[in-house]
PDB file of N, CA and C in Angstrom:
ATOM      1  N   MET A   1       0.677  -1.229  -0.042  1.00  0.00           N
ATOM      2  CA  MET A   1      -0.251   0.349  -0.161  1.00  0.00           C
ATOM      3  C   MET A   1       0.938   1.271   0.088  1.00  0.00           C
ATOM      4  N   ASN A   2       0.539   2.563  -0.332  1.00  0.00           N
ATOM      5  CA  ASN A   2       1.009   3.531  -0.888  1.00  0.00           C
ATOM      6  C   ASN A   2       0.366   4.204   0.646  1.00  0.00           C
ATOM      7  N   GLN A   3       1.716   5.138   1.237  1.00  0.00           N
ATOM      8  CA  GLN A   3       1.246   6.128   2.319  1.00  0.00           C
ATOM      9  C   GLN A   3       0.963   7.208   1.801  1.00  0.00           C
ATOM     10  N   PRO A   4       0.293   8.042   2.123  1.00  0.00           N
ATOM     11  CA  PRO A   4       0.025   9.412   1.718  1.00  0.00           C
ATOM     12  C   PRO A   4       1.271  10.172   2.004  1.00  0.00           C
ATOM     13  N   SER A   5       1.959  11.169   0.999  1.00  0.00           N
ATOM     14  CA  SER A   5       3.204  11.581   1.154  1.00  0.00           C
ATOM     15  C   SER A   5       2.987  13.021   1.784  1.00  0.00           C
ATOM     16  N   HIS A   6       3.543  13.066   2.896  1.00  0.00           N
ATOM     17  CA  HIS A   6       3.461  14.665   3.591  1.00  0.00           C
ATOM     18  C   HIS A   6       4.502  15.608   3.411  1.00  0.00           C
ATOM     19  N   PRO A   7       4.272  16.744   3.507  1.00  0.00           N
ATOM     20  CA  PRO A   7       5.402  17.832   3.164  1.00  0.00           C
ATOM     21  C   PRO A   7       6.809  17.445   4.343  1.00  0.00           C
ATOM     22  N   ILE A   8       6.199  17.211   5.618  1.00  0.00           N
ATOM     23  CA  ILE A   8       7.234  17.098   6.531  1.00  0.00           C
ATOM     24  C   ILE A   8       7.805  15.687   6.386  1.00  0.00           C
ATOM     25  N   MET A   9       7.327  14.587   5.971  1.00  0.00           N
ATOM     26  CA  MET A   9       8.279  13.487   5.502  1.00  0.00           C
ATOM     27  C   MET A   9       8.948  13.493   4.243  1.00  0.00           C
ATOM     28  N   LYS A  10       8.757  14.430   3.421  1.00  0.00           N
ATOM     29  CA  LYS A  10       9.911  14.563   2.513  1.00  0.00           C
ATOM     30  C   LYS A  10      10.632  15.409   2.435  1.00  0.00           C
ATOM     31  N   SER A  11      11.289  15.877   3.690  1.00  0.00           N
ATOM     32  CA  SER A  11      12.081  16.752   3.817  1.00  0.00           C
ATOM     33  C   SER A  11      13.354  15.834   4.086  1.00  0.00           C
ATOM     34  N   LYS A  12      14.343  16.323   3.871  1.00  0.00           N
ATOM     35  CA  LYS A  12      15.621  15.412   3.981  1.00  0.00           C
ATOM     36  C   LYS A  12      16.239  15.986   5.008  1.00  0.00           C
ATOM     37  N   GLU A  13      16.128  17.419   5.309  1.00  0.00           N
ATOM     38  CA  GLU A  13      17.261  17.991   6.047  1.00  0.00           C
ATOM     39  C   GLU A  13      16.959  17.942   7.163  1.00  0.00           C
ATOM     40  N   ALA A  14      18.011  17.566   7.846  1.00  0.00           N
ATOM     41  CA  ALA A  14      17.785  17.647   9.339  1.00  0.00           C
ATOM     42  C   ALA A  14      17.397  18.888   9.889  1.00  0.00           C
ATOM     43  N   ILE A  15      16.483  18.910  11.450  1.00  0.00           N
ATOM     44  CA  ILE A  15      16.150  20.215  11.924  1.00  0.00           C
ATOM     45  C   ILE A  15      17.473  20.257  12.847  1.00  0.00           C
ATOM     46  N   ALA A  16      17.768  21.772  13.065  1.00  0.00           N
ATOM     47  CA  ALA A  16      18.753  21.856  14.122  1.00  0.00           C
ATOM     48  C   ALA A  16      18.348  22.118  15.216  1.00  0.00           C
ATOM     49  N   GLN A  17      19.106  21.583  16.102  1.00  0.00           N
ATOM     50  CA  GLN A  17      18.727  21.347  17.736  1.00  0.00           C
ATOM     51  C   GLN A  17      18.205  22.929  18.007  1.00  0.00           C
ATOM     52  N   GLU A  18      18.931  23.849  17.974  1.00  0.00           N
ATOM     53  CA  GLU A  18      18.358  25.443  18.133  1.00  0.00           C
ATOM     54  C   GLU A  18      17.106  25.534  17.675  1.00  0.00           C
ATOM     55  N   GLU A  19      16.627  25.207  16.388  1.00  0.00           N
ATOM     56  CA  GLU A  19      15.366  25.701  15.776  1.00  0.00           C
ATOM     57  C   GLU A  19      14.133  24.877  16.632  1.00  0.00           C
ATOM     58  N   VAL A  20      14.643  23.481  17.113  1.00  0.00           N
ATOM     59  CA  VAL A  20      13.894  22.690  17.794  1.00  0.00           C
ATOM     60  C   VAL A  20      13.379  23.216  19.347  1.00  0.00           C
ATOM     61  N   ALA A  21      14.781  23.995  19.489  1.00  0.00           N
ATOM     62  CA  ALA A  21      14.516  24.612  21.149  1.00  0.00           C
ATOM     63  C   ALA A  21      13.653  25.812  21.328  1.00  0.00           C
ATOM     64  N   LYS A  22      13.618  26.571  19.918  1.00  0.00           N
ATOM     65  CA  LYS A  22      13.230  27.563  19.796  1.00  0.00           C
ATOM     66  C   LYS A  22      11.133  27.166  20.143  1.00  0.00           C
ATOM     67  N   ILE A  23      11.340  26.018  19.171  1.00  0.00           N
ATOM     68  CA  ILE A  23       9.762  25.818  19.325  1.00  0.00           C
ATOM     69  C   ILE A  23       9.144  25.281  20.497  1.00  0.00           C
ATOM     70  N   LEU A  24      10.179  24.289  21.164  1.00  0.00           N
ATOM     71  CA  LEU A  24       9.384  24.021  22.356  1.00  0.00           C
ATOM     72  C   LEU A  24       9.465  25.113  23.682  1.00  0.00           C
ATOM     73  N   ASP A  25      10.459  25.972  23.548  1.00  0.00           N
ATOM     74  CA  ASP A  25      10.699  26.919  24.175  1.00  0.00           C
ATOM     75  C   ASP A  25       8.824  27.785  24.089  1.00  0.00           C
ATOM     76  N   ALA A  26       8.796  28.063  23.187  1.00  0.00           N
ATOM     77  CA  ALA A  26       7.582  28.698  22.396  1.00  0.00           C
ATOM     78  C   ALA A  26       6.492  27.904  22.913  1.00  0.00           C
ATOM     79  N   ILE A  27       6.161  26.573  23.035  1.00  0.00           N
ATOM     80  CA  ILE A  27       5.099  25.968  23.364  1.00  0.00           C
ATOM     81  C   ILE A  27       4.886  25.425  25.190  1.00  0.00           C
ATOM     82  N   LEU A  28       6.345  25.621  25.468  1.00  0.00           N
ATOM     83  CA  LEU A  28       5.925  25.657  27.107  1.00  0.00           C
ATOM     84  C   LEU A  28       5.659  26.874  27.822  1.00  0.00           C
ATOM     85  N   ALA A  29       6.019  27.890  27.019  1.00  0.00           N
ATOM     86  CA  ALA A  29       5.663  29.538  27.237  1.00  0.00           C
ATOM     87  C   ALA A  29       4.502  29.739  27.016  1.00  0.00           C
ATOM     88  N   GLY A  30       3.448  28.750  26.345  1.00  0.00           N
ATOM     89  CA  GLY A  30       2.006  28.892  25.916  1.00  0.00           C
ATOM     90  C   GLY A  30       1.840  29.852  24.722  1.00  0.00           C
ATOM     91  N   LYS A  31       3.052  30.086  24.180  1.00  0.00           N
ATOM     92  CA  LYS A  31       2.727  30.681  22.676  1.00  0.00           C
ATOM     93  C   LYS A  31       2.564  29.723  21.524  1.00  0.00           C
ATOM     94  N   TYR A  32       1.475  29.220  21.761  1.00  0.00           N
ATOM     95  CA  TYR A  32       1.518  28.094  20.744  1.00  0.00           C
ATOM     96  C   TYR A  32       1.262  28.715  19.039  1.00  0.00           C
ATOM     97  N   SER A  33       0.342  29.922  18.965  1.00  0.00           N
ATOM     98  CA  SER A  33       0.733  30.422  17.557  1.00  0.00           C
ATOM     99  C   SER A  33       2.087  30.890  17.201  1.00  0.00           C
ATOM    100  N   TRP A  34       2.612  31.353  18.061  1.00  0.00           N
ATOM    101  CA  TRP A  34       4.308  31.927  17.725  1.00  0.00           C
ATOM    102  C   TRP A  34       5.274  30.285  17.367  1.00  0.00           C
ATOM    103  N   ALA A  35       4.624  29.269  18.035  1.00  0.00           N
ATOM    104  CA  ALA A  35       5.315  28.121  17.801  1.00  0.00           C
ATOM    105  C   ALA A  35       4.916  27.465  16.116  1.00  0.00           C
ATOM    106  N   CYS A  36       3.674  27.720  16.265  1.00  0.00           N
ATOM    107  CA  CYS A  36       3.122  27.129  14.675  1.00  0.00           C
ATOM    108  C   CYS A  36       4.059  28.334  13.850  1.00  0.00           C
ATOM    109  N   VAL A  37       4.217  29.577  14.020  1.00  0.00           N
ATOM    110  CA  VAL A  37       4.578  30.565  13.130  1.00  0.00           C
ATOM    111  C   VAL A  37       6.330  29.622  12.748  1.00  0.00           C
ATOM    112  N   LEU A  38       7.260  29.682  13.888  1.00  0.00           N
ATOM    113  CA  LEU A  38       8.548  29.174  13.827  1.00  0.00           C
ATOM    114  C   LEU A  38       8.559  27.651  13.171  1.00  0.00           C
ATOM    115  N   PHE A  39       7.205  27.050  13.186  1.00  0.00           N
ATOM    116  CA  PHE A  39       7.556  25.526  12.815  1.00  0.00           C
ATOM    117  C   PHE A  39       7.119  26.000  11.127  1.00  0.00           C
ATOM    118  N   LEU A  40       6.135  26.729  10.720  1.00  0.00           N
ATOM    119  CA  LEU A  40       6.176  27.012   9.362  1.00  0.00           C
ATOM    120  C   LEU A  40       7.179  27.307   8.891  1.00  0.00           C
ATOM    121  N   HIS A  41       8.163  28.228   9.382  1.00  0.00           N
ATOM    122  CA  HIS A  41       9.181  29.054   8.716  1.00  0.00           C
ATOM    123  C   HIS A  41      10.477  27.889   8.514  1.00  0.00           C
ATOM    124  N   LEU A  42      10.211  27.037   9.834  1.00  0.00           N
ATOM    125  CA  LEU A  42      11.554  25.868   9.838  1.00  0.00           C
ATOM    126  C   LEU A  42      11.540  25.436   8.310  1.00  0.00           C
ATOM    127  N   TYR A  43       9.851  24.945   8.035  1.00  0.00           N
ATOM    128  CA  TYR A  43       9.863  23.982   6.886  1.00  0.00           C
ATOM    129  C   TYR A  43       9.851  24.584   5.412  1.00  0.00           C
ATOM    130  N   GLY A  44       9.532  26.002   5.752  1.00  0.00           N
ATOM    131  CA  GLY A  44       9.567  26.723   4.247  1.00  0.00           C
ATOM    132  C   GLY A  44       8.429  27.027   3.948  1.00  0.00           C
ATOM    133  N   TYR A  45       7.609  27.177   4.431  1.00  0.00           N
ATOM    134  CA  TYR A  45       6.177  27.594   4.354  1.00  0.00           C
ATOM    135  C   TYR A  45       5.616  28.847   4.854  1.00  0.00           C
ATOM    136  N   GLU A  46       4.776  29.328   3.736  1.00  0.00           N
ATOM    137  CA  GLU A  46       4.331  30.919   4.361  1.00  0.00           C
ATOM    138  C   GLU A  46       3.645  31.233   5.074  1.00  0.00           C
ATOM    139  N   PRO A  47       3.880  31.552   6.495  1.00  0.00           N
ATOM    140  CA  PRO A  47       2.899  31.488   7.581  1.00  0.00           C
ATOM    141  C   PRO A  47       1.428  31.878   6.935  1.00  0.00           C
ATOM    142  N   LEU A  48       1.621  32.750   6.288  1.00  0.00           N
ATOM    143  CA  LEU A  48       0.185  33.687   6.308  1.00  0.00           C
ATOM    144  C   LEU A  48      -0.535  33.084   5.172  1.00  0.00           C
ATOM    145  N   ASP A  49      -0.302  31.807   4.394  1.00  0.00           N
ATOM    146  CA  ASP A  49      -0.784  31.311   4.060  1.00  0.00           C
ATOM    147  C   ASP A  49      -1.996  30.431   4.651  1.00  0.00           C
ATOM    148  N   TYR A  50      -1.485  30.275   5.838  1.00  0.00           N
ATOM    149  CA  TYR A  50      -2.429  29.475   7.383  1.00  0.00           C
ATOM    150  C   TYR A  50      -2.681  30.540   8.330  1.00  0.00           C
ATOM    151  N   ILE A  51      -2.171  31.649   8.482  1.00  0.00           N
ATOM    152  CA  ILE A  51      -2.662  32.513  10.012  1.00  0.00           C
ATOM    153  C   ILE A  51      -2.823  33.830   9.072  1.00  0.00           C
ATOM    154  N   PRO A  52      -3.833  34.283  10.060  1.00  0.00           N
ATOM    155  CA  PRO A  52      -4.590  35.453   9.767  1.00  0.00           C
ATOM    156  C   PRO A  52      -3.508  36.794   9.426  1.00  0.00           C
ATOM    157  N   TYR A  53      -3.851  37.799   8.859  1.00  0.00           N
ATOM    158  CA  TYR A  53      -2.366  38.932   8.519  1.00  0.00           C
ATOM    159  C   TYR A  53      -2.193  39.392  10.000  1.00  0.00           C
ATOM    160  N   ASN A  54      -3.359  39.761  10.709  1.00  0.00           N
ATOM    161  CA  ASN A  54      -3.228  40.273  12.094  1.00  0.00           C
ATOM    162  C   ASN A  54      -2.705  39.774  13.088  1.00  0.00           C
ATOM    163  N   THR A  55      -2.718  38.562  12.923  1.00  0.00           N
ATOM    164  CA  THR A  55      -2.289  37.576  13.986  1.00  0.00           C
ATOM    165  C   THR A  55      -0.792  37.343  13.857  1.00  0.00           C
ATOM    166  N   TYR A  56      -0.576  37.530  12.242  1.00  0.00           N
ATOM    167  CA  TYR A  56       0.874  36.996  12.261  1.00  0.00           C
ATOM    168  C   TYR A  56       1.671  38.254  12.275  1.00  0.00           C
ATOM    169  N   ASN A  57       1.193  39.969  11.967  1.00  0.00           N
ATOM    170  CA  ASN A  57       1.805  40.976  12.393  1.00  0.00           C
ATOM    171  C   ASN A  57       1.965  41.280  13.731  1.00  0.00           C
ATOM    172  N   ARG A  58       1.100  40.772  14.907  1.00  0.00           N
ATOM    173  CA  ARG A  58       1.042  41.001  16.257  1.00  0.00           C
ATOM    174  C   ARG A  58       2.270  40.301  16.683  1.00  0.00           C
ATOM    175  N   LEU A  59       2.068  38.866  15.863  1.00  0.00           N
ATOM    176  CA  LEU A  59       3.237  37.618  16.406  1.00  0.00           C
ATOM    177  C   LEU A  59       4.458  38.348  16.026  1.00  0.00           C
ATOM    178  N   ILE A  60       4.704  38.683  15.026  1.00  0.00           N
ATOM    179  CA  ILE A  60       6.141  39.349  14.467  1.00  0.00           C
ATOM    180  C   ILE A  60       6.423  40.476  15.477  1.00  0.00           C
ATOM    181  N   LYS A  61       5.406  41.236  15.925  1.00  0.00           N
ATOM    182  CA  LYS A  61       5.584  42.787  16.462  1.00  0.00           C
ATOM    183  C   LYS A  61       6.424  41.969  18.259  1.00  0.00           C
ATOM    184  N   GLN A  62       5.739  41.157  18.608  1.00  0.00           N
ATOM    185  CA  GLN A  62       5.987  40.682  20.028  1.00  0.00           C
ATOM    186  C   GLN A  62       6.710  40.039  20.051  1.00  0.00           C
ATOM    187  N   ASN A  63       7.507  39.304  19.051  1.00  0.00           N
ATOM    188  CA  ASN A  63       8.596  38.154  19.142  1.00  0.00           C
ATOM    189  C   ASN A  63       9.755  38.928  18.186  1.00  0.00           C
ATOM    190  N   ARG A  64       9.909  40.291  17.882  1.00  0.00           N
ATOM    191  CA  ARG A  64      10.852  40.896  17.370  1.00  0.00           C
ATOM    192  C   ARG A  64      12.375  40.612  17.382  1.00  0.00           C
ATOM    193  N   LYS A  65      12.661  40.586  18.730  1.00  0.00           N
ATOM    194  CA  LYS A  65      14.153  40.038  18.865  1.00  0.00           C
ATOM    195  C   LYS A  65      14.415  38.697  18.640  1.00  0.00           C
ATOM    196  N   ILE A  66      13.294  37.838  18.688  1.00  0.00           N
ATOM    197  CA  ILE A  66      13.741  36.515  18.138  1.00  0.00           C
ATOM    198  C   ILE A  66      13.730  36.520  16.723  1.00  0.00           C
ATOM    199  N   VAL A  67      12.796  37.104  16.089  1.00  0.00           N
ATOM    200  CA  VAL A  67      12.934  36.906  14.584  1.00  0.00           C
ATOM    201  C   VAL A  67      13.946  37.604  14.221  1.00  0.00           C
ATOM    202  N   SER A  68      14.866  38.641  14.360  1.00  0.00           N
ATOM    203  CA  SER A  68      15.862  39.042  13.931  1.00  0.00           C
ATOM    204  C   SER A  68      17.044  38.252  14.097  1.00  0.00           C
ATOM    205  N   SER A  69      17.183  37.440  14.992  1.00  0.00           N
ATOM    206  CA  SER A  69      18.320  36.273  15.392  1.00  0.00           C
ATOM    207  C   SER A  69      18.041  35.380  14.405  1.00  0.00           C
ATOM    208  N   SER A  70      16.389  35.053  14.586  1.00  0.00           N
ATOM    209  CA  SER A  70      16.668  33.921  13.463  1.00  0.00           C
ATOM    210  C   SER A  70      16.808  33.970  11.964  1.00  0.00           C
ATOM    211  N   CYS A  71      16.412  35.216  11.605  1.00  0.00           N
ATOM    212  CA  CYS A  71      16.475  35.454  10.521  1.00  0.00           C
ATOM    213  C   CYS A  71      17.939  35.995   9.660  1.00  0.00           C
ATOM    214  N   GLN A  72      18.830  36.149  10.520  1.00  0.00           N
ATOM    215  CA  GLN A  72      20.404  36.204  10.235  1.00  0.00           C
ATOM    216  C   GLN A  72      21.062  34.989  10.259  1.00  0.00           C
ATOM    217  N   LYS A  73      20.042  34.167  11.071  1.00  0.00           N
ATOM    218  CA  LYS A  73      20.835  32.239  10.753  1.00  0.00           C
ATOM    219  C   LYS A  73      20.655  31.852   9.564  1.00  0.00           C
ATOM    220  N   ILE A  74      19.281  32.103   9.350  1.00  0.00           N
ATOM    221  CA  ILE A  74      18.715  31.109   7.792  1.00  0.00           C
ATOM    222  C   ILE A  74      18.448  31.812   6.726  1.00  0.00           C
ATOM    223  N   ASP A  75      18.684  33.303   6.843  1.00  0.00           N
ATOM    224  CA  ASP A  75      18.421  33.824   5.713  1.00  0.00           C
ATOM    225  C   ASP A  75      17.309  33.787   4.640  1.00  0.00           C
ATOM    226  N   LYS A  76      16.373  33.642   5.309  1.00  0.00           N
ATOM    227  CA  LYS A  76      15.104  33.432   4.589  1.00  0.00           C
ATOM    228  C   LYS A  76      14.278  34.587   4.513  1.00  0.00           C
ATOM    229  N   CYS A  77      14.581  35.579   5.663  1.00  0.00           N
ATOM    230  CA  CYS A  77      13.480  36.564   5.733  1.00  0.00           C
ATOM    231  C   CYS A  77      14.348  37.929   5.437  1.00  0.00           C
ATOM    232  N   ASN A  78      13.656  38.711   4.887  1.00  0.00           N
ATOM    233  CA  ASN A  78      13.995  40.046   3.965  1.00  0.00           C
ATOM    234  C   ASN A  78      14.685  40.979   5.097  1.00  0.00           C
TER     235      ASN A  78
END
């Protein structure tokens, strides 16, 4: 039988421990929406395809320091 393919399972890239730690820290702090944003960024998805603009914008503003350091490391941000 063929199992359905899932985008996460297609990814061959290993997840950096640092990135996993950021996601886990967000979850443990109760920041589930921010954890979703980090997870989507990690796998190369556009969060605005899944999260309303106002929510995304608020999350970015609240976590600006974290976003700046992440962008410098992964070069995916503008």
